[in-house]
N, C-alpha and C. Protein backbone atom coordinates (compact mmCIF):
# COMPACT_ATOMS: atom_id res chain seq x y z
N MET A 1 -11.95 6.37 0.53
CA MET A 1 -12.00 6.77 1.92
C MET A 1 -10.71 6.38 2.65
N ARG A 2 -10.27 5.16 2.47
CA ARG A 2 -9.09 4.69 3.18
C ARG A 2 -7.83 5.39 2.69
N LEU A 3 -7.78 5.69 1.40
CA LEU A 3 -6.62 6.41 0.90
C LEU A 3 -6.59 7.84 1.43
N LYS A 4 -7.76 8.44 1.66
CA LYS A 4 -7.79 9.77 2.24
C LYS A 4 -7.23 9.75 3.65
N LYS A 5 -7.58 8.71 4.42
CA LYS A 5 -7.04 8.57 5.78
C LYS A 5 -5.54 8.32 5.73
N ALA A 6 -5.10 7.48 4.80
CA ALA A 6 -3.67 7.22 4.65
C ALA A 6 -2.93 8.51 4.30
N GLU A 7 -3.53 9.32 3.46
CA GLU A 7 -2.92 10.60 3.08
C GLU A 7 -2.82 11.53 4.29
N GLU A 8 -3.83 11.51 5.17
CA GLU A 8 -3.78 12.33 6.39
C GLU A 8 -2.62 11.89 7.28
N PHE A 9 -2.44 10.57 7.44
CA PHE A 9 -1.35 10.06 8.26
C PHE A 9 0.00 10.44 7.67
N ILE A 10 0.12 10.35 6.35
CA ILE A 10 1.37 10.72 5.67
C ILE A 10 1.66 12.20 5.89
N ASP A 11 0.63 13.03 5.78
CA ASP A 11 0.81 14.47 5.98
C ASP A 11 1.26 14.80 7.40
N ARG A 12 0.83 13.99 8.37
CA ARG A 12 1.25 14.19 9.76
C ARG A 12 2.68 13.71 10.00
N GLY A 13 3.22 12.94 9.06
CA GLY A 13 4.58 12.44 9.20
C GLY A 13 4.65 10.99 9.65
N ASP A 14 3.52 10.30 9.66
CA ASP A 14 3.47 8.90 10.09
C ASP A 14 3.68 7.96 8.91
N ARG A 15 4.10 6.73 9.23
CA ARG A 15 4.20 5.69 8.21
C ARG A 15 2.86 4.97 8.09
N VAL A 16 2.62 4.38 6.91
CA VAL A 16 1.37 3.68 6.65
C VAL A 16 1.68 2.32 6.05
N LYS A 17 1.00 1.28 6.55
CA LYS A 17 1.13 -0.07 6.00
C LYS A 17 -0.09 -0.34 5.13
N LEU A 18 0.14 -0.58 3.84
CA LEU A 18 -0.95 -0.90 2.92
C LEU A 18 -1.04 -2.41 2.80
N THR A 19 -2.23 -2.97 3.01
CA THR A 19 -2.44 -4.42 3.00
C THR A 19 -3.61 -4.78 2.10
N VAL A 20 -3.40 -5.79 1.25
CA VAL A 20 -4.47 -6.37 0.45
C VAL A 20 -4.63 -7.81 0.91
N LYS A 21 -5.83 -8.17 1.38
CA LYS A 21 -6.09 -9.51 1.89
C LYS A 21 -6.70 -10.37 0.79
N PHE A 22 -6.17 -11.57 0.64
CA PHE A 22 -6.68 -12.51 -0.35
C PHE A 22 -7.51 -13.58 0.36
N ARG A 23 -8.64 -13.94 -0.25
CA ARG A 23 -9.50 -14.98 0.30
C ARG A 23 -9.74 -16.04 -0.77
N GLY A 24 -9.74 -17.28 -0.35
CA GLY A 24 -10.11 -18.39 -1.23
C GLY A 24 -9.29 -18.46 -2.50
N ARG A 25 -9.98 -18.47 -3.61
CA ARG A 25 -9.32 -18.63 -4.92
C ARG A 25 -8.63 -17.37 -5.41
N GLU A 26 -8.75 -16.30 -4.69
CA GLU A 26 -8.07 -15.06 -5.08
C GLU A 26 -6.56 -15.25 -5.10
N MET A 27 -6.05 -16.22 -4.33
CA MET A 27 -4.61 -16.48 -4.30
C MET A 27 -4.08 -16.91 -5.66
N GLY A 28 -4.95 -17.38 -6.53
CA GLY A 28 -4.56 -17.78 -7.87
C GLY A 28 -4.29 -16.61 -8.79
N HIS A 29 -4.63 -15.39 -8.36
CA HIS A 29 -4.46 -14.19 -9.19
C HIS A 29 -3.76 -13.09 -8.41
N PRO A 30 -2.50 -13.28 -8.08
CA PRO A 30 -1.80 -12.26 -7.29
C PRO A 30 -1.61 -10.95 -8.04
N GLU A 31 -1.64 -10.99 -9.37
CA GLU A 31 -1.45 -9.75 -10.14
C GLU A 31 -2.56 -8.75 -9.86
N ALA A 32 -3.75 -9.21 -9.51
CA ALA A 32 -4.85 -8.30 -9.16
C ALA A 32 -4.49 -7.51 -7.90
N GLY A 33 -3.89 -8.16 -6.92
CA GLY A 33 -3.47 -7.47 -5.70
C GLY A 33 -2.37 -6.47 -5.96
N TYR A 34 -1.40 -6.85 -6.81
CA TYR A 34 -0.33 -5.92 -7.17
C TYR A 34 -0.90 -4.69 -7.88
N ASN A 35 -1.92 -4.89 -8.70
CA ASN A 35 -2.56 -3.76 -9.39
C ASN A 35 -3.19 -2.80 -8.39
N VAL A 36 -3.85 -3.33 -7.37
CA VAL A 36 -4.50 -2.49 -6.36
C VAL A 36 -3.45 -1.68 -5.60
N VAL A 37 -2.35 -2.33 -5.20
CA VAL A 37 -1.31 -1.63 -4.46
C VAL A 37 -0.67 -0.55 -5.34
N ASN A 38 -0.40 -0.87 -6.59
CA ASN A 38 0.22 0.11 -7.49
C ASN A 38 -0.70 1.30 -7.74
N GLN A 39 -2.01 1.07 -7.84
CA GLN A 39 -2.95 2.18 -8.00
C GLN A 39 -2.93 3.08 -6.77
N ALA A 40 -2.88 2.49 -5.59
CA ALA A 40 -2.83 3.27 -4.35
C ALA A 40 -1.55 4.09 -4.30
N LEU A 41 -0.42 3.49 -4.68
CA LEU A 41 0.85 4.22 -4.67
C LEU A 41 0.82 5.37 -5.68
N ASP A 42 0.19 5.15 -6.83
CA ASP A 42 0.08 6.21 -7.84
C ASP A 42 -0.79 7.36 -7.33
N LEU A 43 -1.88 7.04 -6.63
CA LEU A 43 -2.77 8.09 -6.12
C LEU A 43 -2.11 8.91 -5.01
N LEU A 44 -1.27 8.26 -4.20
CA LEU A 44 -0.57 9.01 -3.15
C LEU A 44 0.56 9.85 -3.73
N GLY A 45 1.09 9.44 -4.87
CA GLY A 45 2.01 10.25 -5.65
C GLY A 45 3.34 10.58 -5.00
N GLU A 46 3.72 11.84 -5.13
CA GLU A 46 5.03 12.32 -4.69
C GLU A 46 5.14 12.51 -3.18
N LYS A 47 4.02 12.39 -2.47
CA LYS A 47 4.04 12.60 -1.03
C LYS A 47 4.72 11.47 -0.28
N ILE A 48 4.85 10.30 -0.93
CA ILE A 48 5.31 9.12 -0.20
C ILE A 48 6.67 8.64 -0.68
N LEU A 49 7.29 7.87 0.18
CA LEU A 49 8.53 7.17 -0.11
C LEU A 49 8.32 5.73 0.33
N VAL A 50 8.51 4.78 -0.59
CA VAL A 50 8.28 3.37 -0.27
C VAL A 50 9.42 2.88 0.61
N GLU A 51 9.08 2.47 1.84
CA GLU A 51 10.09 2.01 2.78
C GLU A 51 10.33 0.51 2.68
N ARG A 52 9.27 -0.24 2.36
CA ARG A 52 9.42 -1.68 2.15
C ARG A 52 8.62 -2.07 0.92
N GLU A 53 9.27 -2.77 0.01
CA GLU A 53 8.62 -3.16 -1.24
C GLU A 53 7.45 -4.11 -0.98
N THR A 54 6.58 -4.22 -1.96
CA THR A 54 5.40 -5.06 -1.86
C THR A 54 5.81 -6.53 -1.84
N LYS A 55 5.31 -7.28 -0.85
CA LYS A 55 5.59 -8.72 -0.79
C LYS A 55 4.47 -9.43 -0.05
N PHE A 56 4.40 -10.75 -0.27
CA PHE A 56 3.39 -11.57 0.39
C PHE A 56 3.83 -11.93 1.79
N GLU A 57 2.88 -11.86 2.71
CA GLU A 57 3.05 -12.35 4.07
C GLU A 57 1.84 -13.23 4.35
N GLY A 58 1.97 -14.51 4.07
CA GLY A 58 0.83 -15.41 4.18
C GLY A 58 -0.16 -15.14 3.07
N ARG A 59 -1.38 -14.79 3.44
CA ARG A 59 -2.41 -14.47 2.44
C ARG A 59 -2.56 -12.96 2.23
N ASN A 60 -1.65 -12.19 2.78
CA ASN A 60 -1.71 -10.73 2.67
C ASN A 60 -0.57 -10.22 1.81
N LEU A 61 -0.86 -9.22 1.02
CA LEU A 61 0.14 -8.52 0.22
C LEU A 61 0.34 -7.16 0.88
N THR A 62 1.55 -6.89 1.36
CA THR A 62 1.76 -5.67 2.13
C THR A 62 2.92 -4.85 1.60
N THR A 63 2.84 -3.56 1.86
CA THR A 63 3.93 -2.62 1.61
C THR A 63 3.84 -1.52 2.66
N ILE A 64 4.98 -0.93 2.98
CA ILE A 64 5.02 0.15 3.97
C ILE A 64 5.55 1.40 3.28
N VAL A 65 4.80 2.50 3.46
CA VAL A 65 5.20 3.78 2.89
C VAL A 65 5.32 4.82 4.00
N GLY A 66 6.16 5.79 3.77
CA GLY A 66 6.33 6.87 4.72
C GLY A 66 6.32 8.20 3.97
N PRO A 67 6.36 9.28 4.71
CA PRO A 67 6.36 10.59 4.07
C PRO A 67 7.66 10.87 3.35
N ASN A 68 7.56 11.55 2.23
CA ASN A 68 8.74 11.98 1.49
C ASN A 68 9.30 13.22 2.19
N LYS A 69 10.55 13.20 2.53
CA LYS A 69 11.15 14.28 3.33
C LYS A 69 11.29 15.59 2.57
N LYS A 70 11.20 15.53 1.25
CA LYS A 70 11.43 16.75 0.45
C LYS A 70 10.24 17.65 0.40
């Protein structure tokens, strides 16, 4: 559902911030969060251009994507 909304925003020409929130002991397994973000990027496919690479901001793993101009 959320990826469908993100796809709608991308189609309109807006940027989207993808965030994965970690709670408690989840911080011990950051690779799980990277897997979720990579799956989302794969599903959005050629429509997007990654504007900011995936990185931690506190307990959140974030990346910013925008529409591909082509």
